[in-house]
Amino acid sequence: MLAQQRQQTILERVRSNGGVRVADLVRELGVSDMTIRRDLEVLAERGLLEKVHGGATALGPGSTEEPGFTAKSARQQQEKDAIARRAAGLVRPGTAVALSAGTTTWALARHLIGVPDLTVITNSIPVAEVFHRNPRADRTVVLTGGVRTPSDALVGPVAVAAIRRLHVDTLFLGVHGMSVRAGLTTPNLLESETDRELVAAATRLVVPADHTKWNTVGISTIAELSEADVVISDAGLPEDARTALAERAGELIIAEGSP
């Protein structure tokens, strides 16, 4: 395959999926890691995509643009893992927790597989899959039904009805963005409705969100910043954001080990 053909294939993958991973392209196209990275540099220089750690994502986020799960999982991987480790420390054995959809909550799920006697409620297919692949006899996982979104969330009236009668100790809420003006937001109206039901079902609301979420605004508000009992972010969170969150949320935690 010529370089131009290969780059066109890569661009089509980015546009259809919202993002790509270098490792996946290496396997699919049968070329070296270095070749793929050069292709991504060429496409990025032409303004056709954005290079991120381990891959590339589509350009042009807006209040209603919803990147696919693959695209989001390639972003801020170190930060998300540090945040997830810190969030896992808030979970006690014998409790019921909810994990909404998102790549940070997906990272959190991997840190919770060793916690005994846990009940997990989730509307995220990837989160449920983490627990399915790492079974425990003393764990219960409830996956809501619903309509699947680009971020692999299950949303809509079926999901809302499933959540409405549930009660959990802690909700870990993945968000698209957070700001003083708009609060905690998502680009998907149906996902926002489903997430609001999760918030209502929880005694404690924990928001694990890396620094790039600050001043990013989706079209629909899930909750105000003041509704968050805990916000966990990384060392890249700017000072103005730290001040605003410390004033509004119950507690702000900066995850150790983040870049």
Protein backbone atom coordinates (compact mmCIF):
# COMPACT_ATOMS: atom_id res chain seq x y z
CA MET A 1 0.00 0.00 0.00
CA LEU A 2 1.36 3.41 -0.99
CA ALA A 3 1.82 6.06 1.72
CA GLN A 4 -1.00 8.17 0.28
CA GLN A 5 -3.40 5.20 0.30
CA ARG A 6 -2.36 4.29 3.82
CA GLN A 7 -2.90 7.83 5.08
CA GLN A 8 -6.32 7.97 3.45
CA THR A 9 -7.24 4.72 5.22
CA ILE A 10 -6.07 6.17 8.53
CA LEU A 11 -8.06 9.35 7.99
CA GLU A 12 -11.20 7.34 7.19
CA ARG A 13 -10.77 5.38 10.44
CA VAL A 14 -10.41 8.59 12.43
CA ARG A 15 -13.48 10.16 10.85
CA SER A 16 -15.66 7.07 11.33
CA ASN A 17 -14.51 6.13 14.85
CA GLY A 18 -13.50 9.52 16.24
CA GLY A 19 -9.95 8.30 16.79
CA VAL A 20 -7.40 5.54 16.26
CA ARG A 21 -4.63 3.81 18.20
CA VAL A 22 -1.16 3.35 16.73
CA ALA A 23 -1.06 -0.29 17.86
CA ASP A 24 -4.33 -1.06 16.09
CA LEU A 25 -3.13 0.55 12.85
CA VAL A 26 0.15 -1.37 12.98
CA ARG A 27 -1.77 -4.66 13.14
CA GLU A 28 -4.35 -3.66 10.55
CA LEU A 29 -2.01 -2.17 7.95
CA GLY A 30 0.96 -4.46 8.50
CA VAL A 31 3.57 -1.70 8.80
CA SER A 32 5.90 -0.54 11.55
CA ASP A 33 5.05 1.63 14.52
CA MET A 34 7.39 4.33 13.16
CA THR A 35 5.65 4.33 9.75
CA ILE A 36 2.25 4.88 11.36
CA ARG A 37 3.60 7.68 13.54
CA ARG A 38 5.07 9.40 10.47
CA ASP A 39 1.71 9.08 8.70
CA LEU A 40 -0.03 10.65 11.68
CA GLU A 41 2.48 13.52 11.71
CA VAL A 42 1.84 14.18 8.03
CA LEU A 43 -1.94 14.20 8.55
CA ALA A 44 -1.63 16.39 11.65
CA GLU A 45 0.56 18.91 9.80
CA ARG A 46 -2.12 19.10 7.11
CA GLY A 47 -4.69 19.90 9.79
CA LEU A 48 -6.70 16.72 9.19
CA LEU A 49 -6.45 15.17 12.66
CA GLU A 50 -4.95 15.73 16.10
CA LYS A 51 -2.07 13.59 17.34
CA VAL A 52 -2.44 12.33 20.91
CA HIS A 53 -0.44 9.94 23.07
CA GLY A 54 -0.66 6.53 21.42
CA GLY A 55 -2.76 7.56 18.45
CA ALA A 56 -4.84 10.34 16.92
CA THR A 57 -8.30 11.88 17.24
CA ALA A 58 -10.63 13.88 15.03
CA LEU A 59 -10.56 17.67 15.13
CA GLY A 60 -13.19 20.23 15.99
CA PRO A 61 -14.91 19.43 19.30
CA GLY A 62 -18.13 21.33 19.97
CA SER A 63 -20.93 21.30 22.49
CA THR A 64 -22.76 18.51 20.64
CA GLU A 65 -19.80 16.57 19.27
CA GLU A 66 -19.41 13.23 20.99
CA PRO A 67 -16.05 11.50 20.38
CA GLY A 68 -16.13 7.73 20.19
CA PHE A 69 -14.83 5.58 23.04
CA THR A 70 -11.66 4.72 21.10
CA ALA A 71 -10.87 8.40 20.56
CA LYS A 72 -11.37 9.33 24.18
CA SER A 73 -9.46 6.36 25.56
CA ALA A 74 -6.32 7.53 23.71
CA ARG A 75 -6.31 10.88 25.52
CA GLN A 76 -4.56 11.70 28.84
CA GLN A 77 -3.95 8.04 29.63
CA GLN A 78 -1.44 8.66 32.43
CA GLU A 79 -3.63 11.27 34.06
CA LYS A 80 -6.71 9.07 33.89
CA ASP A 81 -4.89 6.12 35.43
CA ALA A 82 -3.59 8.26 38.32
CA ILE A 83 -7.09 9.64 38.90
CA ALA A 84 -8.58 6.14 38.74
CA ARG A 85 -6.12 4.80 41.31
CA ARG A 86 -7.01 7.62 43.69
CA ALA A 87 -10.73 7.13 43.10
CA ALA A 88 -10.45 3.39 43.81
CA GLY A 89 -9.13 4.26 47.27
CA LEU A 90 -12.55 5.72 48.10
CA VAL A 91 -14.31 2.37 47.59
CA ARG A 92 -14.83 0.09 50.59
CA PRO A 93 -15.66 -3.63 50.42
CA GLY A 94 -19.31 -4.43 50.93
CA THR A 95 -20.66 -1.27 49.27
CA ALA A 96 -22.72 -0.51 46.19
CA VAL A 97 -21.17 1.81 43.62
CA ALA A 98 -22.28 3.17 40.27
CA LEU A 99 -19.92 3.91 37.39
CA SER A 100 -21.29 6.01 34.56
CA ALA A 101 -19.90 5.75 31.04
CA GLY A 102 -16.51 7.25 30.26
CA THR A 103 -12.88 6.35 29.76
CA THR A 104 -11.84 7.49 33.25
CA THR A 105 -14.53 5.34 34.86
CA TRP A 106 -13.38 2.53 32.57
CA ALA A 107 -9.87 2.98 34.00
CA LEU A 108 -11.38 3.00 37.49
CA ALA A 109 -13.12 -0.33 36.84
CA ARG A 110 -9.73 -1.96 36.25
CA HIS A 111 -8.62 -0.76 39.69
CA LEU A 112 -11.74 -2.15 41.36
CA ILE A 113 -11.54 -5.76 40.17
CA GLY A 114 -9.79 -6.80 43.39
CA VAL A 115 -12.29 -5.18 45.78
CA PRO A 116 -14.32 -7.90 47.56
CA ASP A 117 -18.07 -8.00 48.12
CA LEU A 118 -18.85 -5.18 45.68
CA THR A 119 -22.09 -4.36 43.88
CA VAL A 120 -21.57 -2.35 40.68
CA ILE A 121 -24.27 -0.53 38.72
CA THR A 122 -23.22 0.79 35.31
CA ASN A 123 -24.63 1.99 32.00
CA SER A 124 -21.22 1.51 30.34
CA ILE A 125 -20.60 -1.50 28.14
CA PRO A 126 -16.76 -1.28 28.46
CA VAL A 127 -16.99 -0.95 32.25
CA ALA A 128 -19.22 -4.01 32.50
CA GLU A 129 -16.83 -5.91 30.22
CA VAL A 130 -13.89 -5.21 32.59
CA PHE A 131 -15.72 -6.95 35.42
CA HIS A 132 -17.00 -9.73 33.15
CA ARG A 133 -13.42 -10.60 32.14
CA ASN A 134 -12.28 -10.59 35.78
CA PRO A 135 -15.08 -12.46 37.61
CA ARG A 136 -15.49 -12.77 41.38
CA ALA A 137 -18.11 -14.88 43.16
CA ASP A 138 -18.70 -12.09 45.70
CA ARG A 139 -19.33 -9.35 43.10
CA THR A 140 -22.64 -8.37 41.49
CA VAL A 141 -22.66 -6.29 38.30
CA VAL A 142 -25.86 -4.72 37.01
CA LEU A 143 -25.75 -3.38 33.45
CA THR A 144 -28.67 -1.15 32.55
CA GLY A 145 -30.38 -1.60 29.24
CA GLY A 146 -30.86 1.23 26.80
CA VAL A 147 -29.78 2.72 23.50
CA ARG A 148 -26.04 2.69 22.80
CA THR A 149 -24.25 6.01 22.22
CA PRO A 150 -20.90 6.67 20.43
CA SER A 151 -19.22 6.64 23.85
CA ASP A 152 -20.63 3.14 24.53
CA ALA A 153 -23.11 4.39 27.12
CA LEU A 154 -26.58 2.87 27.45
CA VAL A 155 -29.12 5.68 27.67
CA GLY A 156 -32.78 6.54 27.19
CA PRO A 157 -36.02 5.49 28.89
CA VAL A 158 -35.00 1.86 29.46
CA ALA A 159 -31.81 2.92 31.25
CA VAL A 160 -33.66 5.60 33.24
CA ALA A 161 -36.33 3.11 34.37
CA ALA A 162 -33.67 0.62 35.47
CA ILE A 163 -31.78 3.21 37.52
CA ARG A 164 -34.77 4.97 39.06
CA ARG A 165 -35.46 2.31 41.72
CA LEU A 166 -31.82 1.79 42.69
CA HIS A 167 -29.79 3.28 45.56
CA VAL A 168 -25.98 3.29 45.68
CA ASP A 169 -23.41 4.49 48.16
CA THR A 170 -21.18 6.25 45.64
CA LEU A 171 -21.50 7.32 42.02
CA PHE A 172 -18.35 7.86 39.96
CA LEU A 173 -19.56 10.19 37.23
CA GLY A 174 -17.64 10.54 33.99
CA VAL A 175 -18.12 13.94 32.36
CA HIS A 176 -17.37 15.56 29.02
CA GLY A 177 -16.63 18.91 30.64
CA MET A 178 -16.93 21.04 33.75
CA SER A 179 -17.11 24.78 34.24
CA VAL A 180 -18.39 27.35 36.73
CA ARG A 181 -21.11 28.51 34.33
CA ALA A 182 -22.38 25.18 32.99
CA GLY A 183 -21.39 22.74 35.74
CA LEU A 184 -20.85 19.09 34.79
CA THR A 185 -21.83 18.53 31.18
CA THR A 186 -22.20 16.03 28.34
CA PRO A 187 -22.69 16.46 24.56
CA ASN A 188 -25.50 13.86 24.53
CA LEU A 189 -28.99 14.88 25.71
CA LEU A 190 -30.14 11.33 26.43
CA GLU A 191 -26.94 10.54 28.32
CA SER A 192 -27.47 13.65 30.42
CA GLU A 193 -30.93 12.45 31.43
CA THR A 194 -29.58 9.02 32.34
CA ASP A 195 -26.68 10.51 34.30
CA ARG A 196 -29.07 12.71 36.28
CA GLU A 197 -30.88 9.57 37.41
CA LEU A 198 -27.56 8.11 38.54
CA VAL A 199 -26.84 11.28 40.52
CA ALA A 200 -30.26 11.04 42.19
CA ALA A 201 -29.63 7.39 43.11
CA ALA A 202 -26.31 8.08 44.87
CA THR A 203 -25.53 9.12 48.44
CA ARG A 204 -22.12 10.47 47.38
CA LEU A 205 -21.11 11.95 44.00
CA VAL A 206 -17.47 11.62 42.95
CA VAL A 207 -16.31 13.20 39.68
CA PRO A 208 -13.02 11.81 38.29
CA ALA A 209 -12.03 14.29 35.56
CA ASP A 210 -8.65 15.17 34.08
CA HIS A 211 -7.55 18.79 33.61
CA THR A 212 -8.62 18.96 29.94
CA LYS A 213 -12.27 18.78 31.05
CA TRP A 214 -12.01 22.20 32.69
CA ASN A 215 -13.90 24.90 30.72
CA THR A 216 -15.06 22.31 28.20
CA VAL A 217 -18.83 22.61 27.87
CA GLY A 218 -21.25 20.04 26.47
CA ILE A 219 -24.76 20.94 25.40
CA SER A 220 -26.49 19.54 28.49
CA THR A 221 -25.82 19.98 32.21
CA ILE A 222 -25.87 16.86 34.38
CA ALA A 223 -25.29 18.59 37.73
CA GLU A 224 -23.86 21.75 39.22
CA LEU A 225 -20.29 21.77 40.56
CA SER A 226 -21.71 22.24 44.06
CA GLU A 227 -23.46 18.85 43.83
CA ALA A 228 -20.11 17.03 43.65
CA ASP A 229 -18.95 15.71 47.01
CA VAL A 230 -15.50 14.98 45.58
CA VAL A 231 -13.72 16.02 42.38
CA ILE A 232 -10.53 14.13 41.52
CA SER A 233 -8.25 15.65 38.89
CA ASP A 234 -4.56 15.70 37.98
CA ALA A 235 -1.57 17.98 38.45
CA GLY A 236 -2.29 19.76 35.15
CA LEU A 237 -5.43 21.38 36.57
CA PRO A 238 -4.86 25.18 36.45
CA GLU A 239 -4.93 27.31 39.58
CA ASP A 240 -8.15 29.11 38.68
CA ALA A 241 -9.88 25.76 38.29
CA ARG A 242 -8.53 24.54 41.62
CA THR A 243 -9.83 27.66 43.33
CA ALA A 244 -13.26 27.41 41.70
CA LEU A 245 -13.63 23.72 42.50
CA ALA A 246 -12.36 24.10 46.07
CA GLU A 247 -14.98 26.80 46.63
CA ARG A 248 -17.88 24.87 45.09
CA ALA A 249 -17.31 21.12 45.38
CA GLY A 250 -17.16 19.35 48.73
CA GLU A 251 -13.53 18.31 48.24
CA LEU A 252 -10.90 18.62 45.51
CA ILE A 253 -8.26 15.90 45.26
CA ILE A 254 -5.22 16.11 42.98
CA ALA A 255 -4.08 12.59 42.13
CA GLU A 256 -0.49 11.83 43.00
CA GLY A 257 1.63 10.40 40.22
CA SER A 258 -0.10 12.38 37.46
CA PRO A 259 2.28 14.16 35.04
